[in-house]
Amino acid sequence: MRNLVNYAVAYAKAGFSVLPMVGKQPLIKFADQPPMTVEEIKRFWQTHPYAQIAMRTTNFFVVDIDEHPDGADGFVSFKNYEHPEYFRNTLSQHTAGGGRQLFYLKREDCHIQQNIGWLPGIDIKAHINNYVMVAPSEHNGGQYRWENKNNIVTASPELVNAINDKPETNLDLSIDYDQKSATAELFETITSGLGDTGGRNNALASFAGGLLFRGVDPKSVLDLAKIANSRTTDSLSEREVVRTVESMVKKEIRRRGAQA
């Protein structure tokens, strides 16, 4: 495994926020923090010479195409998408796991929201505290490789609108429930998000607490909380999500201890 410091420096000089990685985990705290400077990158790689590289999706977003274990094939979804013209030619890479990622600069005239599951097998990674591994990083025996030497271009407004749009369904899925269970509401939070800005933290705490009370493993609770947060229009930082879930885990441990 080679030292990637020169690549990390080049990315930083090009205006991207670099993260040193082990596996797919950042080696530094980064949420809501300024990007590492070139000098900070050089010093860090001196003590961590085999760190891999990710870039935070601060000024760009990624169309992440992959084959998912549940059978969703992003390559088929991408091939069959009815508006291929929305995808301007841009910088793209092959991932270590066999996927493909298209990189687009965010527009200044509109906000793009993160959209996990935008299409079957296609995720949109756009939150300022999200990140993607980049070439020539390695993971699980595979390597990230740039597919071309294109410049990263600004996303078309049509693509941004399509990503932000919540498609309507023609099916009548309404059911007249006499009373909706708390468990049903927890499931709905995963897809509908945490609500308006003023109540996000309380909604997240209630969501995590409800799952823990029902015996869901804390790691799974954190993963589900991140999904719900990604479906929230003005989402919380990843650090806030982790901190809230950790707090609720401690609270649940105390509750169970009191009952013992």
C-alpha atoms as a PDB file:
ATOM      1  CA  MET A   1       0.000   0.000   0.000  1.00  0.00           C
ATOM      2  CA  ARG A   2       1.527   3.296  -1.088  1.00  0.00           C
ATOM      3  CA  ASN A   3       1.617   6.713   0.503  1.00  0.00           C
ATOM      4  CA  LEU A   4      -1.105   8.923  -1.017  1.00  0.00           C
ATOM      5  CA  VAL A   5      -0.077  12.249   0.497  1.00  0.00           C
ATOM      6  CA  ASN A   6       0.689  13.848  -2.888  1.00  0.00           C
ATOM      7  CA  TYR A   7      -2.794  12.991  -4.125  1.00  0.00           C
ATOM      8  CA  ALA A   8      -4.337  14.370  -0.928  1.00  0.00           C
ATOM      9  CA  VAL A   9      -2.409  17.628  -1.329  1.00  0.00           C
ATOM     10  CA  ALA A  10      -3.454  17.920  -4.980  1.00  0.00           C
ATOM     11  CA  TYR A  11      -7.121  17.467  -4.080  1.00  0.00           C
ATOM     12  CA  ALA A  12      -6.861  20.103  -1.349  1.00  0.00           C
ATOM     13  CA  LYS A  13      -5.183  22.565  -3.705  1.00  0.00           C
ATOM     14  CA  ALA A  14      -8.018  21.971  -6.182  1.00  0.00           C
ATOM     15  CA  GLY A  15     -10.486  23.184  -3.553  1.00  0.00           C
ATOM     16  CA  PHE A  16     -11.786  19.936  -2.062  1.00  0.00           C
ATOM     17  CA  SER A  17     -12.112  19.029   1.618  1.00  0.00           C
ATOM     18  CA  VAL A  18      -9.838  16.016   2.167  1.00  0.00           C
ATOM     19  CA  LEU A  19     -10.344  13.337   4.810  1.00  0.00           C
ATOM     20  CA  PRO A  20      -7.726  10.726   5.780  1.00  0.00           C
ATOM     21  CA  MET A  21      -9.338   7.298   6.013  1.00  0.00           C
ATOM     22  CA  VAL A  22      -8.805   3.791   7.318  1.00  0.00           C
ATOM     23  CA  GLY A  23     -11.192   1.441   5.588  1.00  0.00           C
ATOM     24  CA  LYS A  24     -14.209   3.677   5.107  1.00  0.00           C
ATOM     25  CA  GLN A  25     -13.855   5.431   8.464  1.00  0.00           C
ATOM     26  CA  PRO A  26     -12.386   8.945   8.819  1.00  0.00           C
ATOM     27  CA  LEU A  27      -9.321   9.227  11.022  1.00  0.00           C
ATOM     28  CA  ILE A  28     -10.226  12.745  12.184  1.00  0.00           C
ATOM     29  CA  LYS A  29     -13.286  14.547  13.508  1.00  0.00           C
ATOM     30  CA  PHE A  30     -14.575  16.584  10.609  1.00  0.00           C
ATOM     31  CA  ALA A  31     -18.297  17.326  10.925  1.00  0.00           C
ATOM     32  CA  ASP A  32     -18.901  21.079  10.606  1.00  0.00           C
ATOM     33  CA  GLN A  33     -15.150  21.683  10.697  1.00  0.00           C
ATOM     34  CA  PRO A  34     -13.078  23.642   8.153  1.00  0.00           C
ATOM     35  CA  PRO A  35     -11.180  21.557   5.599  1.00  0.00           C
ATOM     36  CA  MET A  36      -7.652  20.405   6.346  1.00  0.00           C
ATOM     37  CA  THR A  37      -4.970  22.750   5.027  1.00  0.00           C
ATOM     38  CA  VAL A  38      -2.121  21.527   2.853  1.00  0.00           C
ATOM     39  CA  GLU A  39       0.271  21.749   5.802  1.00  0.00           C
ATOM     40  CA  GLU A  40      -2.126  19.822   8.052  1.00  0.00           C
ATOM     41  CA  ILE A  41      -2.420  17.129   5.407  1.00  0.00           C
ATOM     42  CA  LYS A  42       1.356  16.806   5.093  1.00  0.00           C
ATOM     43  CA  ARG A  43       1.813  16.544   8.864  1.00  0.00           C
ATOM     44  CA  PHE A  44      -0.972  14.005   9.232  1.00  0.00           C
ATOM     45  CA  TRP A  45       0.354  11.724   6.514  1.00  0.00           C
ATOM     46  CA  GLN A  46       3.787  11.770   8.136  1.00  0.00           C
ATOM     47  CA  THR A  47       2.313   9.896  11.103  1.00  0.00           C
ATOM     48  CA  HIS A  48      -0.276   7.966   9.061  1.00  0.00           C
ATOM     49  CA  PRO A  49       1.590   7.166   5.827  1.00  0.00           C
ATOM     50  CA  TYR A  50      -0.914   4.591   4.586  1.00  0.00           C
ATOM     51  CA  ALA A  51      -4.096   6.581   5.135  1.00  0.00           C
ATOM     52  CA  GLN A  52      -6.522   6.457   2.220  1.00  0.00           C
ATOM     53  CA  ILE A  53      -8.425   9.466   0.889  1.00  0.00           C
ATOM     54  CA  ALA A  54     -12.025  10.633   0.930  1.00  0.00           C
ATOM     55  CA  MET A  55     -13.507  14.006   0.014  1.00  0.00           C
ATOM     56  CA  ARG A  56     -16.406  15.662   1.792  1.00  0.00           C
ATOM     57  CA  THR A  57     -19.375  16.479  -0.401  1.00  0.00           C
ATOM     58  CA  THR A  58     -19.276  20.145   0.502  1.00  0.00           C
ATOM     59  CA  ASN A  59     -19.067  21.861  -2.887  1.00  0.00           C
ATOM     60  CA  PHE A  60     -19.990  18.847  -5.011  1.00  0.00           C
ATOM     61  CA  PHE A  61     -22.329  15.877  -4.935  1.00  0.00           C
ATOM     62  CA  VAL A  62     -22.065  12.338  -6.227  1.00  0.00           C
ATOM     63  CA  VAL A  63     -24.444  10.144  -8.200  1.00  0.00           C
ATOM     64  CA  ASP A  64     -23.518   6.784  -6.666  1.00  0.00           C
ATOM     65  CA  ILE A  65     -24.397   3.835  -8.940  1.00  0.00           C
ATOM     66  CA  ASP A  66     -24.089   0.315  -7.581  1.00  0.00           C
ATOM     67  CA  GLU A  67     -25.580  -3.159  -7.406  1.00  0.00           C
ATOM     68  CA  HIS A  68     -27.204  -3.551  -3.979  1.00  0.00           C
ATOM     69  CA  PRO A  69     -27.540  -6.802  -2.010  1.00  0.00           C
ATOM     70  CA  ASP A  70     -31.326  -6.440  -2.102  1.00  0.00           C
ATOM     71  CA  GLY A  71     -31.247  -6.873  -5.875  1.00  0.00           C
ATOM     72  CA  ALA A  72     -31.496  -3.205  -6.859  1.00  0.00           C
ATOM     73  CA  ASP A  73     -29.224  -2.683  -9.874  1.00  0.00           C
ATOM     74  CA  GLY A  74     -28.165   0.927 -10.252  1.00  0.00           C
ATOM     75  CA  PHE A  75     -26.578   0.289 -13.639  1.00  0.00           C
ATOM     76  CA  VAL A  76     -29.939  -0.855 -15.021  1.00  0.00           C
ATOM     77  CA  SER A  77     -31.670   2.143 -13.407  1.00  0.00           C
ATOM     78  CA  PHE A  78     -29.119   4.514 -14.937  1.00  0.00           C
ATOM     79  CA  LYS A  79     -29.362   2.913 -18.385  1.00  0.00           C
ATOM     80  CA  ASN A  80     -33.151   3.068 -18.375  1.00  0.00           C
ATOM     81  CA  TYR A  81     -33.495   6.570 -16.911  1.00  0.00           C
ATOM     82  CA  GLU A  82     -35.876   8.532 -19.119  1.00  0.00           C
ATOM     83  CA  HIS A  83     -33.748  11.704 -19.196  1.00  0.00           C
ATOM     84  CA  PRO A  84     -30.132  10.727 -19.918  1.00  0.00           C
ATOM     85  CA  GLU A  85     -29.532  14.284 -21.125  1.00  0.00           C
ATOM     86  CA  TYR A  86     -29.675  15.460 -17.489  1.00  0.00           C
ATOM     87  CA  PHE A  87     -26.292  13.836 -16.878  1.00  0.00           C
ATOM     88  CA  ARG A  88     -23.684  16.170 -18.328  1.00  0.00           C
ATOM     89  CA  ASN A  89     -20.292  14.629 -19.115  1.00  0.00           C
ATOM     90  CA  THR A  90     -18.243  15.059 -15.977  1.00  0.00           C
ATOM     91  CA  LEU A  91     -15.542  13.554 -13.800  1.00  0.00           C
ATOM     92  CA  SER A  92     -16.374   9.981 -12.830  1.00  0.00           C
ATOM     93  CA  GLN A  93     -14.725   7.026 -11.141  1.00  0.00           C
ATOM     94  CA  HIS A  94     -15.008   3.286 -10.712  1.00  0.00           C
ATOM     95  CA  THR A  95     -15.297   2.311  -7.053  1.00  0.00           C
ATOM     96  CA  ALA A  96     -13.351  -0.408  -5.286  1.00  0.00           C
ATOM     97  CA  GLY A  97     -16.530  -2.477  -5.011  1.00  0.00           C
ATOM     98  CA  GLY A  98     -17.436  -2.367  -8.697  1.00  0.00           C
ATOM     99  CA  GLY A  99     -19.710   0.661  -8.629  1.00  0.00           C
ATOM    100  CA  ARG A 100     -19.543   3.923 -10.537  1.00  0.00           C
ATOM    101  CA  GLN A 101     -19.745   7.507  -9.286  1.00  0.00           C
ATOM    102  CA  LEU A 102     -20.447  10.711 -11.194  1.00  0.00           C
ATOM    103  CA  PHE A 103     -19.181  13.954  -9.647  1.00  0.00           C
ATOM    104  CA  TYR A 104     -21.055  17.247 -10.089  1.00  0.00           C
ATOM    105  CA  LEU A 105     -20.459  20.687  -8.636  1.00  0.00           C
ATOM    106  CA  LYS A 106     -23.395  21.998  -6.620  1.00  0.00           C
ATOM    107  CA  ARG A 107     -25.353  24.870  -8.119  1.00  0.00           C
ATOM    108  CA  GLU A 108     -25.357  28.271  -6.445  1.00  0.00           C
ATOM    109  CA  ASP A 109     -28.930  29.051  -7.468  1.00  0.00           C
ATOM    110  CA  CYS A 110     -30.611  26.122  -5.737  1.00  0.00           C
ATOM    111  CA  HIS A 111     -30.089  23.617  -2.920  1.00  0.00           C
ATOM    112  CA  ILE A 112     -29.619  19.935  -3.621  1.00  0.00           C
ATOM    113  CA  GLN A 113     -30.678  17.477  -0.953  1.00  0.00           C
ATOM    114  CA  GLN A 114     -29.124  14.141  -0.204  1.00  0.00           C
ATOM    115  CA  ASN A 115     -31.323  11.366  -1.543  1.00  0.00           C
ATOM    116  CA  ILE A 116     -30.494   7.803  -0.513  1.00  0.00           C
ATOM    117  CA  GLY A 117     -32.460   5.506  -2.790  1.00  0.00           C
ATOM    118  CA  TRP A 118     -33.213   8.160  -5.415  1.00  0.00           C
ATOM    119  CA  LEU A 119     -33.533   5.357  -7.954  1.00  0.00           C
ATOM    120  CA  PRO A 120     -33.145   1.606  -7.373  1.00  0.00           C
ATOM    121  CA  GLY A 121     -29.428   1.132  -6.797  1.00  0.00           C
ATOM    122  CA  ILE A 122     -28.624   4.861  -7.128  1.00  0.00           C
ATOM    123  CA  ASP A 123     -27.926   7.135  -4.163  1.00  0.00           C
ATOM    124  CA  ILE A 124     -27.252  10.864  -4.177  1.00  0.00           C
ATOM    125  CA  LYS A 125     -24.563  11.803  -1.672  1.00  0.00           C
ATOM    126  CA  ALA A 126     -24.738  15.543  -1.124  1.00  0.00           C
ATOM    127  CA  HIS A 127     -24.766  16.417   2.587  1.00  0.00           C
ATOM    128  CA  ILE A 128     -21.893  18.688   3.609  1.00  0.00           C
ATOM    129  CA  ASN A 129     -20.874  16.174   6.264  1.00  0.00           C
ATOM    130  CA  ASN A 130     -21.016  13.167   3.972  1.00  0.00           C
ATOM    131  CA  TYR A 131     -17.993  11.946   2.024  1.00  0.00           C
ATOM    132  CA  VAL A 132     -16.868   9.588  -0.719  1.00  0.00           C
ATOM    133  CA  MET A 133     -13.648   7.643  -1.117  1.00  0.00           C
ATOM    134  CA  VAL A 134     -11.633   8.733  -4.157  1.00  0.00           C
ATOM    135  CA  ALA A 135      -8.909   7.369  -6.423  1.00  0.00           C
ATOM    136  CA  PRO A 136      -6.376   5.923  -5.982  1.00  0.00           C
ATOM    137  CA  SER A 137      -7.581   4.734  -2.558  1.00  0.00           C
ATOM    138  CA  GLU A 138      -7.917   1.010  -1.907  1.00  0.00           C
ATOM    139  CA  HIS A 139     -10.568  -0.917   0.003  1.00  0.00           C
ATOM    140  CA  ASN A 140     -11.122  -4.642   0.559  1.00  0.00           C
ATOM    141  CA  GLY A 141      -8.698  -5.592  -2.188  1.00  0.00           C
ATOM    142  CA  GLY A 142     -10.174  -3.228  -4.759  1.00  0.00           C
ATOM    143  CA  GLN A 143      -9.096   0.208  -5.916  1.00  0.00           C
ATOM    144  CA  TYR A 144     -10.886   3.417  -6.809  1.00  0.00           C
ATOM    145  CA  ARG A 145      -9.930   4.492 -10.345  1.00  0.00           C
ATOM    146  CA  TRP A 146     -10.791   7.645 -12.255  1.00  0.00           C
ATOM    147  CA  GLU A 147     -12.789   6.689 -15.338  1.00  0.00           C
ATOM    148  CA  ASN A 148     -11.785   9.764 -17.322  1.00  0.00           C
ATOM    149  CA  LYS A 149      -9.905  13.044 -17.146  1.00  0.00           C
ATOM    150  CA  ASN A 150     -12.989  15.233 -17.530  1.00  0.00           C
ATOM    151  CA  ASN A 151     -13.330  18.381 -15.479  1.00  0.00           C
ATOM    152  CA  ILE A 152     -16.003  18.196 -12.790  1.00  0.00           C
ATOM    153  CA  VAL A 153     -18.902  20.246 -14.166  1.00  0.00           C
ATOM    154  CA  THR A 154     -21.853  21.984 -12.556  1.00  0.00           C
ATOM    155  CA  ALA A 155     -25.003  19.884 -12.398  1.00  0.00           C
ATOM    156  CA  SER A 156     -27.802  20.776 -14.745  1.00  0.00           C
ATOM    157  CA  PRO A 157     -30.831  22.415 -13.083  1.00  0.00           C
ATOM    158  CA  GLU A 158     -32.963  19.609 -14.521  1.00  0.00           C
ATOM    159  CA  LEU A 159     -30.909  16.976 -12.683  1.00  0.00           C
ATOM    160  CA  VAL A 160     -31.078  18.888  -9.398  1.00  0.00           C
ATOM    161  CA  ASN A 161     -34.843  19.287  -9.720  1.00  0.00           C
ATOM    162  CA  ALA A 162     -35.246  15.595 -10.507  1.00  0.00           C
ATOM    163  CA  ILE A 163     -33.199  14.616  -7.467  1.00  0.00           C
ATOM    164  CA  ASN A 164     -35.098  16.984  -5.180  1.00  0.00           C
ATOM    165  CA  ASP A 165     -38.491  15.985  -6.537  1.00  0.00           C
ATOM    166  CA  LYS A 166     -40.543  13.458  -4.599  1.00  0.00           C
ATOM    167  CA  PRO A 167     -42.301  11.414  -7.276  1.00  0.00           C
ATOM    168  CA  GLU A 168     -46.041  10.988  -6.985  1.00  0.00           C
ATOM    169  CA  THR A 169     -47.640   7.567  -7.071  1.00  0.00           C
ATOM    170  CA  ASN A 170     -50.790   6.699  -8.957  1.00  0.00           C
ATOM    171  CA  LEU A 171     -51.662   3.996  -6.477  1.00  0.00           C
ATOM    172  CA  ASP A 172     -54.198   4.631  -3.766  1.00  0.00           C
ATOM    173  CA  LEU A 173     -52.186   3.508  -0.768  1.00  0.00           C
ATOM    174  CA  SER A 174     -54.259   5.239   1.904  1.00  0.00           C
ATOM    175  CA  ILE A 175     -55.594   3.071   4.722  1.00  0.00           C
ATOM    176  CA  ASP A 176     -58.077   4.333   7.270  1.00  0.00           C
ATOM    177  CA  TYR A 177     -56.422   3.295  10.514  1.00  0.00           C
ATOM    178  CA  ASP A 178     -58.448   3.614  13.714  1.00  0.00           C
ATOM    179  CA  GLN A 179     -55.175   4.062  15.570  1.00  0.00           C
ATOM    180  CA  LYS A 180     -51.613   4.026  14.290  1.00  0.00           C
ATOM    181  CA  SER A 181     -49.076   2.174  16.437  1.00  0.00           C
ATOM    182  CA  ALA A 182     -45.875   3.763  17.729  1.00  0.00           C
ATOM    183  CA  THR A 183     -43.922   1.092  15.857  1.00  0.00           C
ATOM    184  CA  ALA A 184     -45.586   2.126  12.582  1.00  0.00           C
ATOM    185  CA  GLU A 185     -44.607   5.732  13.228  1.00  0.00           C
ATOM    186  CA  LEU A 186     -40.994   4.650  13.755  1.00  0.00           C
ATOM    187  CA  PHE A 187     -40.971   2.923  10.371  1.00  0.00           C
ATOM    188  CA  GLU A 188     -42.470   5.988   8.716  1.00  0.00           C
ATOM    189  CA  THR A 189     -39.791   8.240  10.212  1.00  0.00           C
ATOM    190  CA  ILE A 190     -37.137   6.264   8.315  1.00  0.00           C
ATOM    191  CA  THR A 191     -38.657   7.283   4.979  1.00  0.00           C
ATOM    192  CA  SER A 192     -40.231  10.647   5.800  1.00  0.00           C
ATOM    193  CA  GLY A 193     -37.341  12.135   7.813  1.00  0.00           C
ATOM    194  CA  LEU A 194     -37.186  14.054  11.075  1.00  0.00           C
ATOM    195  CA  GLY A 195     -39.501  16.922  10.189  1.00  0.00           C
ATOM    196  CA  ASP A 196     -39.014  20.671  10.373  1.00  0.00           C
ATOM    197  CA  THR A 197     -35.864  22.397  11.584  1.00  0.00           C
ATOM    198  CA  GLY A 198     -37.194  23.275  15.042  1.00  0.00           C
ATOM    199  CA  GLY A 199     -38.049  19.711  16.015  1.00  0.00           C
ATOM    200  CA  ARG A 200     -35.334  17.632  14.379  1.00  0.00           C
ATOM    201  CA  ASN A 201     -33.314  16.909  17.524  1.00  0.00           C
ATOM    202  CA  ASN A 202     -36.339  15.910  19.580  1.00  0.00           C
ATOM    203  CA  ALA A 203     -37.635  13.782  16.716  1.00  0.00           C
ATOM    204  CA  LEU A 204     -34.273  12.042  16.411  1.00  0.00           C
ATOM    205  CA  ALA A 205     -34.093  11.384  20.149  1.00  0.00           C
ATOM    206  CA  SER A 206     -37.632   9.987  20.153  1.00  0.00           C
ATOM    207  CA  PHE A 207     -36.895   7.845  17.105  1.00  0.00           C
ATOM    208  CA  ALA A 208     -33.668   6.385  18.546  1.00  0.00           C
ATOM    209  CA  GLY A 209     -35.240   5.874  21.964  1.00  0.00           C
ATOM    210  CA  GLY A 210     -38.216   4.060  20.461  1.00  0.00           C
ATOM    211  CA  LEU A 211     -35.982   1.659  18.553  1.00  0.00           C
ATOM    212  CA  LEU A 212     -33.743   0.960  21.552  1.00  0.00           C
ATOM    213  CA  PHE A 213     -36.786   0.359  23.766  1.00  0.00           C
ATOM    214  CA  ARG A 214     -37.871  -2.315  21.272  1.00  0.00           C
ATOM    215  CA  GLY A 215     -34.508  -4.071  21.421  1.00  0.00           C
ATOM    216  CA  VAL A 216     -32.947  -2.867  18.176  1.00  0.00           C
ATOM    217  CA  ASP A 217     -29.152  -3.145  18.228  1.00  0.00           C
ATOM    218  CA  PRO A 218     -27.512   0.276  18.833  1.00  0.00           C
ATOM    219  CA  LYS A 219     -25.405   0.047  15.654  1.00  0.00           C
ATOM    220  CA  SER A 220     -28.546  -0.590  13.617  1.00  0.00           C
ATOM    221  CA  VAL A 221     -30.245   2.302  15.421  1.00  0.00           C
ATOM    222  CA  LEU A 222     -27.408   4.600  14.331  1.00  0.00           C
ATOM    223  CA  ASP A 223     -27.607   3.362  10.734  1.00  0.00           C
ATOM    224  CA  LEU A 224     -31.389   3.886  10.640  1.00  0.00           C
ATOM    225  CA  ALA A 225     -31.003   7.322  12.239  1.00  0.00           C
ATOM    226  CA  LYS A 226     -28.583   8.323   9.487  1.00  0.00           C
ATOM    227  CA  ILE A 227     -31.069   7.198   6.842  1.00  0.00           C
ATOM    228  CA  ALA A 228     -33.901   9.160   8.471  1.00  0.00           C
ATOM    229  CA  ASN A 229     -31.617  12.186   8.731  1.00  0.00           C
ATOM    230  CA  SER A 230     -30.681  11.896   5.055  1.00  0.00           C
ATOM    231  CA  ARG A 231     -34.398  12.075   4.196  1.00  0.00           C
ATOM    232  CA  THR A 232     -34.733  15.319   6.194  1.00  0.00           C
ATOM    233  CA  THR A 233     -34.774  18.464   4.062  1.00  0.00           C
ATOM    234  CA  ASP A 234     -32.534  20.483   6.386  1.00  0.00           C
ATOM    235  CA  SER A 235     -30.658  17.544   7.887  1.00  0.00           C
ATOM    236  CA  LEU A 236     -28.539  17.501  11.023  1.00  0.00           C
ATOM    237  CA  SER A 237     -24.775  17.073  10.942  1.00  0.00           C
ATOM    238  CA  GLU A 238     -23.498  13.525  11.253  1.00  0.00           C
ATOM    239  CA  ARG A 239     -21.810  14.506  14.512  1.00  0.00           C
ATOM    240  CA  GLU A 240     -25.151  15.618  15.966  1.00  0.00           C
ATOM    241  CA  VAL A 241     -26.806  12.366  14.871  1.00  0.00           C
ATOM    242  CA  VAL A 242     -24.077  10.253  16.483  1.00  0.00           C
ATOM    243  CA  ARG A 243     -24.124  12.343  19.651  1.00  0.00           C
ATOM    244  CA  THR A 244     -27.899  12.094  20.018  1.00  0.00           C
ATOM    245  CA  VAL A 245     -27.965   8.338  19.436  1.00  0.00           C
ATOM    246  CA  GLU A 246     -25.123   7.809  21.920  1.00  0.00           C
ATOM    247  CA  SER A 247     -27.054   9.830  24.495  1.00  0.00           C
ATOM    248  CA  MET A 248     -30.165   7.716  23.966  1.00  0.00           C
ATOM    249  CA  VAL A 249     -28.139   4.487  24.236  1.00  0.00           C
ATOM    250  CA  LYS A 250     -26.826   5.620  27.636  1.00  0.00           C
ATOM    251  CA  LYS A 251     -30.358   6.542  28.704  1.00  0.00           C
ATOM    252  CA  GLU A 252     -31.640   3.108  27.652  1.00  0.00           C
ATOM    253  CA  ILE A 253     -28.821   1.392  29.577  1.00  0.00           C
ATOM    254  CA  ARG A 254     -29.816   3.335  32.706  1.00  0.00           C
ATOM    255  CA  ARG A 255     -33.488   2.439  32.187  1.00  0.00           C
ATOM    256  CA  ARG A 256     -32.757  -1.245  31.892  1.00  0.00           C
ATOM    257  CA  GLY A 257     -30.429  -1.103  34.888  1.00  0.00           C
ATOM    258  CA  ALA A 258     -33.184   0.405  37.000  1.00  0.00           C
ATOM    259  CA  GLN A 259     -35.521  -2.415  36.028  1.00  0.00           C
ATOM    260  CA  ALA A 260     -33.020  -5.182  36.783  1.00  0.00           C
END
